[in-house]
Amino acid sequence: MSDRVLLRGGRVIDPASGTDEVVDVVVAGSLIESVGAAGSVDLAQPDLEVRECEGLIVAPGFVDMHTHLREPGGEDREDVRSGTRAAAVGGFTAVTAMANTNPVADNAAVVAEVVALAEEAGWCDVSPVGAITKGLQGRELTEMGEMAAFGVRMFSDDGKCVPEARTVRMALEYAKTFGVIVAEHCEDASLTQGWQMHEGATSARLGLGGAPRESEEVIVARDILMARLTGGRLHLCHLSSAGSVELVRRAKAEGLHVTAEVTPHHLALIDEDLKDYDTNFKVNPPMRAEQDRLALIEGLADGTIDVIATDHAPHAVQEKEREFDLAPPGMTGLETALGVAYTALVEPGHLTVTRLIEALSTTPARILGLRGQGGPIRAGEVANLVVFDPKAEWVVATPFASKSRNSAFLGRTLRGRVVHTLYRGRSVVVDGQADDEMPMTRRQDQMPRPDAKTR
């Protein structure tokens, strides 16, 4: 495979520079060599590999702010290599690895292990998330400064909500000191005991315990107040309710440092989709009512919600193939993210394709401060790119690149599919297939190494 690749005649959509035009993009080594008028590149160059991109969209590689890679400790469900391979197939050139591993990523040593595994795998950048509290126990803060010095940009106890406002306040104050983000899983556990799905008419009809939308909204409101009090940067994970959207809208109008994400499945599915008791539809937070789904779409369209994040949560087959009340919540999402979002948002006219790319790439890269991600697509920049076909229809089916297959979209027809993914100039996905023969990569410049004491 050549070190120089021409993406010929694709529609380049780059929110970072405001570009939306049909051009030729030449990639050489790890960088973009040139961006020029379509047909301007000499095809006779002997070292040039040509990829015809007419009718395809070329965009900055996607960036996922919410990925569970499971390693260390959950390698039966996913590991860093399989998870980042799945990310590349889905068009992602960077992901954040959530901290609820075993052991928990609550210190620099675990963070270093995840970084090393990602470097060895070489499919995409991995930015580890540090835990807010030690052991995710919600009490004692972690050594955030130590992890921030190592390059951690975001802290979260995701999977669990920080139970006390005082702890959130202290975390936001420390985060402000180090210029990092506190990301919250918004769930008041006192309102969700015994929950299986959203509390409403459907849960009553199915005989399943419900979690009211207020269980999310009360924490969203609490943490926004703490962000106002401290001036810290707060990111709200996987919003699911109309009330949460309105609370964030008011916070932004006030000028608070608050950002928010929504998953593709919360944009596409509702509580009524659980009618067949399929455990693949069981997620946390649960899919809610149609009115909530529409409010999430509106919030994403008007910028109240900043980011589409997958909350990729792989589980082993035997974990999901159990009674509904015993099955863990969560679904895979990296490989279906584009198709689900394009089908649910762009096809019906809720979102422009530019806004979709902004929410999947440019904005999460900006929030996290990731160099070389999210664009712009111009000469001299790192070649982290995705090429996708907006017209391609495909049926979601196994096998996945992920180790797990717990997707609610199995058997569904989606529109919009990744064709090529270029990570630091290397074609890690070609014609929709992961290049398993690619050489390993080492990214020595991504993060500083901890000293011997933190090992």
Protein backbone atom coordinates (compact mmCIF):
# COMPACT_ATOMS: atom_id res chain seq x y z
CA MET A 1 0.00 0.00 0.00
CA SER A 2 1.44 3.37 -1.06
CA ASP A 3 2.53 6.08 1.36
CA ARG A 4 0.69 8.57 -0.83
CA VAL A 5 -3.05 8.29 -1.30
CA LEU A 6 -5.34 10.42 -3.44
CA LEU A 7 -8.96 10.75 -2.33
CA ARG A 8 -10.29 11.80 -5.71
CA GLY A 9 -13.41 13.84 -6.31
CA GLY A 10 -15.07 13.48 -2.91
CA ARG A 11 -17.29 16.08 -1.28
CA VAL A 12 -15.15 17.44 1.55
CA ILE A 13 -17.28 18.63 4.47
CA ASP A 14 -15.10 20.19 7.14
CA PRO A 15 -16.95 22.19 9.83
CA ALA A 16 -13.64 23.40 11.30
CA SER A 17 -12.88 25.45 8.18
CA GLY A 18 -16.40 25.86 6.81
CA THR A 19 -15.48 23.84 3.72
CA ASP A 20 -18.13 22.06 1.67
CA GLU A 21 -16.90 21.40 -1.85
CA VAL A 22 -15.81 18.67 -4.23
CA VAL A 23 -12.00 18.53 -4.20
CA ASP A 24 -9.04 16.17 -4.38
CA VAL A 25 -7.19 15.39 -1.15
CA VAL A 26 -3.66 13.94 -1.24
CA VAL A 27 -2.31 12.24 1.87
CA ALA A 28 1.42 11.63 2.22
CA GLY A 29 2.79 9.85 5.24
CA SER A 30 0.86 11.00 8.28
CA LEU A 31 -0.13 14.39 6.87
CA ILE A 32 -2.44 15.94 4.32
CA GLU A 33 -0.18 16.99 1.46
CA SER A 34 -2.65 19.00 -0.57
CA VAL A 35 -6.30 19.92 -1.01
CA GLY A 36 -7.08 21.12 -4.51
CA ALA A 37 -9.62 21.36 -7.28
CA ALA A 38 -11.14 18.11 -8.43
CA GLY A 39 -9.14 16.61 -11.29
CA SER A 40 -6.04 18.71 -10.59
CA VAL A 41 -3.77 15.86 -9.46
CA ASP A 42 -1.59 14.01 -11.97
CA LEU A 43 -2.77 10.38 -11.80
CA ALA A 44 0.38 9.11 -13.54
CA GLN A 45 2.56 9.58 -10.47
CA PRO A 46 4.08 6.15 -9.77
CA ASP A 47 3.84 6.32 -5.98
CA LEU A 48 0.19 7.46 -5.85
CA GLU A 49 -2.66 5.17 -4.82
CA VAL A 50 -5.95 6.52 -6.16
CA ARG A 51 -9.25 6.08 -4.32
CA GLU A 52 -12.25 7.18 -6.34
CA CYS A 53 -14.55 9.16 -4.02
CA GLU A 54 -17.14 10.55 -6.39
CA GLY A 55 -20.48 10.61 -4.57
CA LEU A 56 -18.76 10.04 -1.22
CA ILE A 57 -18.23 12.44 1.68
CA VAL A 58 -14.75 13.10 3.07
CA ALA A 59 -14.78 14.41 6.63
CA PRO A 60 -12.56 14.70 9.70
CA GLY A 61 -12.37 11.37 11.51
CA PHE A 62 -15.06 10.89 14.13
CA VAL A 63 -14.26 11.39 17.82
CA ASP A 64 -16.20 9.46 20.47
CA MET A 65 -16.41 11.05 23.91
CA HIS A 66 -17.93 7.96 25.52
CA THR A 67 -16.47 4.50 24.83
CA HIS A 68 -16.22 1.49 27.13
CA LEU A 69 -13.21 -0.54 26.02
CA ARG A 70 -13.52 -2.82 29.11
CA GLU A 71 -9.78 -3.47 29.43
CA PRO A 72 -8.35 -4.09 31.98
CA GLY A 73 -10.63 -6.65 33.58
CA GLY A 74 -13.43 -7.16 31.06
CA GLU A 75 -11.58 -8.71 28.14
CA ASP A 76 -14.31 -11.32 27.60
CA ARG A 77 -16.57 -8.47 26.45
CA GLU A 78 -14.04 -6.18 24.73
CA ASP A 79 -10.40 -5.23 24.87
CA VAL A 80 -8.51 -2.19 23.67
CA ARG A 81 -7.50 -3.82 20.40
CA SER A 82 -10.96 -5.11 19.44
CA GLY A 83 -12.68 -1.95 20.62
CA THR A 84 -10.41 0.41 18.71
CA ARG A 85 -10.70 -1.85 15.64
CA ALA A 86 -14.47 -1.47 15.91
CA ALA A 87 -13.97 2.28 16.24
CA ALA A 88 -11.94 2.42 13.03
CA VAL A 89 -14.60 0.44 11.16
CA GLY A 90 -17.14 2.99 12.40
CA GLY A 91 -15.05 5.91 11.11
CA PHE A 92 -13.59 6.97 14.47
CA THR A 93 -9.98 8.12 14.67
CA ALA A 94 -10.15 8.92 18.39
CA VAL A 95 -12.11 7.59 21.36
CA THR A 96 -12.16 8.22 25.09
CA ALA A 97 -11.90 5.10 27.25
CA MET A 98 -14.20 5.29 30.27
CA ALA A 99 -12.79 4.59 33.71
CA ASN A 100 -15.10 1.81 34.99
CA THR A 101 -12.62 -0.98 34.32
CA ASN A 102 -11.24 -3.55 36.78
CA PRO A 103 -9.06 -2.20 38.27
CA VAL A 104 -10.67 1.22 37.95
CA ALA A 105 -8.73 3.88 36.04
CA ASP A 106 -8.36 5.99 39.18
CA ASN A 107 -4.58 6.36 39.01
CA ALA A 108 -1.85 7.04 36.47
CA ALA A 109 -0.68 3.41 36.37
CA VAL A 110 -3.97 2.12 34.94
CA VAL A 111 -4.13 5.06 32.54
CA ALA A 112 -0.60 4.21 31.36
CA GLU A 113 -1.64 0.61 30.72
CA VAL A 114 -4.57 1.68 28.52
CA VAL A 115 -2.38 4.12 26.58
CA ALA A 116 0.25 1.43 25.98
CA LEU A 117 -2.36 -1.06 24.77
CA ALA A 118 -3.79 1.52 22.38
CA GLU A 119 -0.34 2.37 21.01
CA GLU A 120 0.32 -1.30 20.38
CA ALA A 121 -3.04 -1.79 18.65
CA GLY A 122 -2.64 1.24 16.40
CA TRP A 123 -6.25 1.58 15.20
CA CYS A 124 -7.03 5.04 16.60
CA ASP A 125 -6.10 7.51 19.31
CA VAL A 126 -7.31 6.62 22.79
CA SER A 127 -7.71 9.30 25.44
CA PRO A 128 -8.30 7.59 28.80
CA VAL A 129 -10.89 9.01 31.19
CA GLY A 130 -9.88 9.15 34.84
CA ALA A 131 -12.30 8.30 37.64
CA ILE A 132 -13.62 11.18 39.75
CA THR A 133 -13.63 9.14 42.94
CA LYS A 134 -11.44 6.27 44.08
CA GLY A 135 -12.88 2.93 43.09
CA LEU A 136 -15.97 4.74 41.73
CA GLN A 137 -17.22 4.70 45.32
CA GLY A 138 -18.43 8.29 45.25
CA ARG A 139 -16.55 9.40 48.34
CA GLU A 140 -12.83 10.22 48.08
CA LEU A 141 -11.54 12.17 45.10
CA THR A 142 -8.80 10.63 42.99
CA GLU A 143 -5.41 12.24 42.38
CA MET A 144 -6.81 14.23 39.49
CA GLY A 145 -3.70 16.37 39.20
CA GLU A 146 -1.46 13.35 38.71
CA MET A 147 -3.66 11.97 35.95
CA ALA A 148 -4.12 15.41 34.37
CA ALA A 149 -0.32 15.77 34.23
CA PHE A 150 -0.27 12.44 32.40
CA GLY A 151 -2.63 13.83 29.76
CA VAL A 152 -6.10 12.86 31.05
CA ARG A 153 -8.56 15.47 29.84
CA MET A 154 -11.83 14.21 31.32
CA PHE A 155 -12.89 12.61 34.60
CA SER A 156 -16.02 10.53 35.13
CA ASP A 157 -17.46 7.83 37.37
CA ASP A 158 -19.70 6.84 34.44
CA GLY A 159 -21.84 3.85 35.19
CA LYS A 160 -22.40 5.50 38.54
CA CYS A 161 -23.52 8.96 39.53
CA VAL A 162 -21.49 10.94 42.05
CA PRO A 163 -24.00 10.85 44.92
CA GLU A 164 -23.25 14.03 46.84
CA ALA A 165 -23.29 17.62 45.62
CA ARG A 166 -20.33 18.41 47.88
CA THR A 167 -18.16 15.87 46.05
CA VAL A 168 -19.22 17.25 42.68
CA ARG A 169 -18.37 20.73 43.87
CA MET A 170 -14.87 19.69 44.96
CA ALA A 171 -14.31 17.78 41.72
CA LEU A 172 -15.29 20.79 39.61
CA GLU A 173 -13.03 23.05 41.66
CA TYR A 174 -10.05 20.72 41.20
CA ALA A 175 -10.88 20.25 37.53
CA LYS A 176 -10.88 24.00 37.03
CA THR A 177 -7.38 24.15 38.53
CA PHE A 178 -6.07 21.61 36.02
CA GLY A 179 -8.11 22.76 33.02
CA VAL A 180 -9.99 19.46 32.66
CA ILE A 181 -13.61 18.34 32.47
CA VAL A 182 -15.92 16.58 34.93
CA ALA A 183 -18.37 14.30 33.08
CA GLU A 184 -21.42 13.12 34.99
CA HIS A 185 -23.66 10.07 34.66
CA CYS A 186 -26.90 11.73 35.79
CA GLU A 187 -28.94 9.27 37.83
CA ASP A 188 -30.41 9.68 41.29
CA ALA A 189 -30.20 6.09 42.52
CA SER A 190 -32.93 6.66 45.10
CA LEU A 191 -35.38 7.07 42.21
CA THR A 192 -34.22 4.13 40.10
CA GLN A 193 -34.22 1.17 42.47
CA GLY A 194 -35.42 -1.93 40.63
CA TRP A 195 -35.64 -0.14 37.29
CA GLN A 196 -35.62 -2.01 33.99
CA MET A 197 -36.76 0.68 31.55
CA HIS A 198 -38.34 4.15 31.39
CA GLU A 199 -41.22 4.65 33.79
CA GLY A 200 -44.41 5.22 31.85
CA ALA A 201 -47.39 3.57 30.20
CA THR A 202 -45.19 1.04 28.40
CA SER A 203 -43.39 -0.10 31.56
CA ALA A 204 -46.76 -0.54 33.28
CA ARG A 205 -48.09 -2.58 30.35
CA LEU A 206 -44.98 -4.79 30.24
CA GLY A 207 -44.81 -5.21 34.00
CA LEU A 208 -41.27 -3.86 34.25
CA GLY A 209 -39.94 -1.52 36.93
CA GLY A 210 -39.40 1.99 35.65
CA ALA A 211 -36.91 4.83 36.07
CA PRO A 212 -38.64 8.21 35.79
CA ARG A 213 -37.07 10.92 33.69
CA GLU A 214 -36.87 13.00 36.87
CA SER A 215 -34.14 10.64 38.15
CA GLU A 216 -31.90 12.15 35.47
CA GLU A 217 -33.20 15.69 35.59
CA VAL A 218 -32.66 16.21 39.32
CA ILE A 219 -28.93 15.42 38.91
CA VAL A 220 -28.64 17.55 35.77
CA ALA A 221 -30.10 20.47 37.74
CA ARG A 222 -27.87 19.80 40.77
CA ASP A 223 -24.67 19.61 38.75
CA ILE A 224 -25.48 22.69 36.71
CA LEU A 225 -25.84 24.57 40.00
CA MET A 226 -22.42 23.24 41.05
CA ALA A 227 -20.95 24.37 37.72
CA ARG A 228 -22.39 27.83 38.35
CA LEU A 229 -20.96 27.87 41.88
CA THR A 230 -17.45 26.78 40.88
CA GLY A 231 -17.02 27.97 37.32
CA GLY A 232 -15.77 24.47 36.44
CA ARG A 233 -16.30 22.63 33.17
CA LEU A 234 -19.18 20.16 33.34
CA HIS A 235 -20.04 17.62 30.66
CA LEU A 236 -23.35 15.76 30.92
CA CYS A 237 -23.29 12.21 29.59
CA HIS A 238 -25.98 10.50 27.48
CA LEU A 239 -28.94 12.82 28.06
CA SER A 240 -32.29 11.11 27.59
CA SER A 241 -35.10 13.43 28.65
CA ALA A 242 -36.82 16.57 27.40
CA GLY A 243 -36.44 18.16 30.82
CA SER A 244 -32.68 17.66 30.77
CA VAL A 245 -32.45 19.38 27.39
CA GLU A 246 -34.30 22.41 28.71
CA LEU A 247 -32.09 22.61 31.79
CA VAL A 248 -28.97 22.58 29.60
CA ARG A 249 -30.49 25.18 27.29
CA ARG A 250 -30.99 27.53 30.24
CA ALA A 251 -27.46 26.87 31.53
CA LYS A 252 -25.95 27.77 28.19
CA ALA A 253 -28.06 30.91 27.94
CA GLU A 254 -26.56 31.88 31.30
CA GLY A 255 -23.06 31.35 29.92
CA LEU A 256 -22.08 28.42 32.15
CA HIS A 257 -19.32 26.01 31.09
CA VAL A 258 -21.70 23.13 30.40
CA THR A 259 -21.63 20.71 27.47
CA ALA A 260 -23.78 17.66 26.78
CA GLU A 261 -23.96 14.53 24.67
CA VAL A 262 -26.65 12.23 23.30
CA THR A 263 -26.32 8.69 21.94
CA PRO A 264 -27.48 7.49 18.53
CA HIS A 265 -29.84 4.99 20.17
CA HIS A 266 -31.60 7.68 22.21
CA LEU A 267 -32.11 9.61 18.98
CA ALA A 268 -33.55 6.61 17.13
CA LEU A 269 -35.43 4.47 19.69
CA ILE A 270 -38.13 4.89 22.35
CA ASP A 271 -39.46 2.89 25.28
CA GLU A 272 -42.10 1.19 23.13
CA ASP A 273 -39.31 -0.58 21.25
CA LEU A 274 -38.85 -2.84 24.31
CA LYS A 275 -42.22 -4.49 23.69
CA ASP A 276 -40.60 -7.85 22.85
CA TYR A 277 -38.40 -7.87 25.99
CA ASP A 278 -35.24 -7.88 23.87
CA THR A 279 -32.40 -7.24 26.32
CA ASN A 280 -30.37 -5.53 23.60
CA PHE A 281 -32.74 -2.58 24.05
CA LYS A 282 -31.96 -2.33 27.76
CA VAL A 283 -29.63 0.62 28.30
CA ASN A 284 -28.82 3.15 31.01
CA PRO A 285 -30.31 5.71 30.87
CA PRO A 286 -33.31 3.97 29.31
CA MET A 287 -34.91 4.94 26.04
CA ARG A 288 -37.76 7.23 26.92
CA ALA A 289 -40.96 8.45 25.24
CA GLU A 290 -41.31 9.92 21.76
CA GLN A 291 -41.62 13.42 23.19
CA ASP A 292 -38.18 12.98 24.77
CA ARG A 293 -36.64 11.68 21.55
CA LEU A 294 -37.95 14.66 19.62
CA ALA A 295 -36.66 17.07 22.28
CA LEU A 296 -33.21 15.45 22.05
CA ILE A 297 -33.22 15.90 18.28
CA GLU A 298 -34.26 19.52 18.63
CA GLY A 299 -31.56 20.10 21.24
CA LEU A 300 -28.92 18.59 18.99
CA ALA A 301 -30.10 20.62 16.00
CA ASP A 302 -30.01 23.96 17.84
CA GLY A 303 -26.69 23.29 19.59
CA THR A 304 -28.03 22.82 23.11
CA ILE A 305 -26.62 19.29 22.92
CA ASP A 306 -23.07 19.51 21.61
CA VAL A 307 -22.04 15.97 20.78
CA ILE A 308 -23.23 12.59 19.54
CA ALA A 309 -21.39 9.96 21.63
CA THR A 310 -21.88 6.23 21.29
CA ASP A 311 -21.75 5.01 24.91
CA HIS A 312 -20.36 1.85 23.30
CA ALA A 313 -21.01 -0.73 26.05
CA PRO A 314 -20.18 -4.28 24.90
CA HIS A 315 -21.40 -7.29 26.87
CA ALA A 316 -20.77 -11.00 26.44
CA VAL A 317 -23.52 -13.02 24.78
CA GLN A 318 -24.33 -14.96 27.95
CA GLU A 319 -24.78 -11.72 29.89
CA LYS A 320 -27.48 -10.45 27.55
CA GLU A 321 -29.19 -13.79 26.92
CA ARG A 322 -30.74 -13.86 30.37
CA GLU A 323 -34.03 -12.86 31.96
CA PHE A 324 -34.68 -9.18 31.32
CA ASP A 325 -34.25 -8.15 34.95
CA LEU A 326 -30.88 -9.94 35.22
CA ALA A 327 -29.34 -8.67 31.97
CA PRO A 328 -26.96 -5.70 32.29
CA PRO A 329 -27.79 -2.46 30.48
CA GLY A 330 -25.79 -1.30 27.48
CA MET A 331 -25.28 -1.85 23.76
CA THR A 332 -22.46 -1.68 21.26
CA GLY A 333 -22.42 1.46 19.16
CA LEU A 334 -19.15 2.28 17.41
CA GLU A 335 -19.83 0.42 14.17
CA THR A 336 -23.44 1.55 13.81
CA ALA A 337 -23.12 5.17 14.98
CA LEU A 338 -22.94 6.80 11.56
CA GLY A 339 -25.69 4.68 10.03
CA VAL A 340 -28.09 5.11 12.96
CA ALA A 341 -27.50 8.85 13.21
CA TYR A 342 -27.70 9.44 9.46
CA THR A 343 -30.88 7.37 9.16
CA ALA A 344 -32.60 8.92 12.19
CA LEU A 345 -31.45 12.51 11.69
CA VAL A 346 -30.30 13.42 8.19
CA GLU A 347 -32.67 11.30 6.13
CA PRO A 348 -35.82 12.76 7.76
CA GLY A 349 -34.40 16.29 7.49
CA HIS A 350 -33.86 16.93 11.21
CA LEU A 351 -30.14 17.66 10.76
CA THR A 352 -27.86 18.70 7.94
CA VAL A 353 -24.98 16.38 7.17
CA THR A 354 -22.62 19.21 8.17
CA ARG A 355 -24.18 19.43 11.64
CA LEU A 356 -23.96 15.66 11.93
CA ILE A 357 -20.21 15.71 11.18
CA GLU A 358 -19.74 18.61 13.58
CA ALA A 359 -21.44 16.63 16.39
CA LEU A 360 -19.50 13.43 15.63
CA SER A 361 -16.09 14.98 15.03
CA THR A 362 -15.29 18.68 15.24
CA THR A 363 -17.08 19.54 18.47
CA PRO A 364 -15.95 16.56 20.60
CA ALA A 365 -12.36 17.14 19.43
CA ARG A 366 -12.64 20.81 20.45
CA ILE A 367 -14.18 20.04 23.85
CA LEU A 368 -11.45 17.51 24.63
CA GLY A 369 -8.67 19.63 23.16
CA LEU A 370 -7.39 16.82 20.94
CA ARG A 371 -4.65 17.95 18.59
CA GLY A 372 -4.88 16.58 15.07
CA GLN A 373 -8.52 15.52 15.44
CA GLY A 374 -11.74 17.07 14.20
CA GLY A 375 -10.17 18.98 11.29
CA PRO A 376 -9.39 21.23 9.62
CA ILE A 377 -8.81 19.35 6.38
CA ARG A 378 -5.95 21.32 4.86
CA ALA A 379 -2.33 20.88 3.82
CA GLY A 380 0.03 20.19 6.70
CA GLU A 381 -2.60 18.86 9.09
CA VAL A 382 -2.64 15.31 10.45
CA ALA A 383 -4.56 13.01 8.12
CA ASN A 384 -7.27 11.70 10.44
CA LEU A 385 -10.09 11.26 7.95
CA VAL A 386 -13.24 9.30 7.27
CA VAL A 387 -14.82 8.69 3.87
CA PHE A 388 -18.43 7.56 3.88
CA ASP A 389 -21.21 6.86 1.41
CA PRO A 390 -24.37 8.75 2.40
CA LYS A 391 -26.50 6.73 -0.02
CA ALA A 392 -25.31 3.23 0.91
CA GLU A 393 -27.99 1.03 2.47
CA TRP A 394 -26.87 -1.88 4.61
CA VAL A 395 -28.33 -4.37 7.04
CA VAL A 396 -26.74 -4.57 10.48
CA ALA A 397 -25.45 -8.10 10.95
CA THR A 398 -22.79 -10.04 12.79
CA PRO A 399 -19.90 -10.60 12.97
CA PHE A 400 -18.83 -7.22 14.28
CA ALA A 401 -15.28 -5.96 14.61
CA SER A 402 -16.17 -5.66 18.29
CA LYS A 403 -16.00 -8.83 20.36
CA SER A 404 -19.64 -8.31 21.32
CA ARG A 405 -22.86 -8.22 19.34
CA ASN A 406 -25.36 -6.67 21.75
CA SER A 407 -26.90 -4.19 19.33
CA ALA A 408 -30.55 -3.21 19.19
CA PHE A 409 -30.10 -2.54 15.47
CA LEU A 410 -29.36 -6.12 14.36
CA GLY A 411 -31.42 -6.85 11.26
CA ARG A 412 -32.25 -3.20 10.63
CA THR A 413 -31.54 -1.44 7.36
CA LEU A 414 -29.52 1.75 7.79
CA ARG A 415 -28.37 4.37 5.35
CA GLY A 416 -24.88 5.86 5.47
CA ARG A 417 -21.80 3.65 5.75
CA VAL A 418 -18.07 4.14 6.25
CA VAL A 419 -15.96 3.28 3.21
CA HIS A 420 -12.44 4.34 4.27
CA THR A 421 -10.83 5.43 7.54
CA LEU A 422 -7.39 7.05 7.53
CA TYR A 423 -5.67 7.27 10.90
CA ARG A 424 -2.52 9.38 10.90
CA GLY A 425 -2.38 8.87 7.17
CA ARG A 426 -2.60 5.06 7.28
CA SER A 427 -5.56 3.40 5.65
CA VAL A 428 -6.82 1.35 8.59
CA VAL A 429 -10.17 0.69 6.87
CA VAL A 430 -10.42 0.24 3.10
CA ASP A 431 -13.69 -0.39 1.28
CA GLY A 432 -15.40 -0.94 4.61
CA GLN A 433 -12.97 -3.63 5.79
CA ALA A 434 -10.42 -3.31 8.57
CA ASP A 435 -6.85 -3.77 7.38
CA ASP A 436 -5.69 -6.42 9.85
CA GLU A 437 -2.29 -6.62 8.15
CA MET A 438 -1.40 -3.01 8.89
CA PRO A 439 1.79 -2.38 10.86
CA MET A 440 1.61 -1.51 14.53
CA THR A 441 2.24 2.11 15.43
CA ARG A 442 3.86 3.88 18.32
CA ARG A 443 2.64 7.37 19.22
CA GLN A 444 5.41 8.66 21.42
CA ASP A 445 4.18 12.24 21.35
CA GLN A 446 0.63 11.69 22.51
CA MET A 447 1.09 11.70 26.29
CA PRO A 448 3.98 12.15 28.70
CA ARG A 449 5.03 9.07 30.60
CA PRO A 450 4.50 8.84 34.35
CA ASP A 451 7.61 8.73 36.48
CA ALA A 452 8.68 5.56 38.30
CA LYS A 453 6.72 6.56 41.40
CA THR A 454 3.36 6.46 39.54
CA ARG A 455 4.09 3.10 37.99
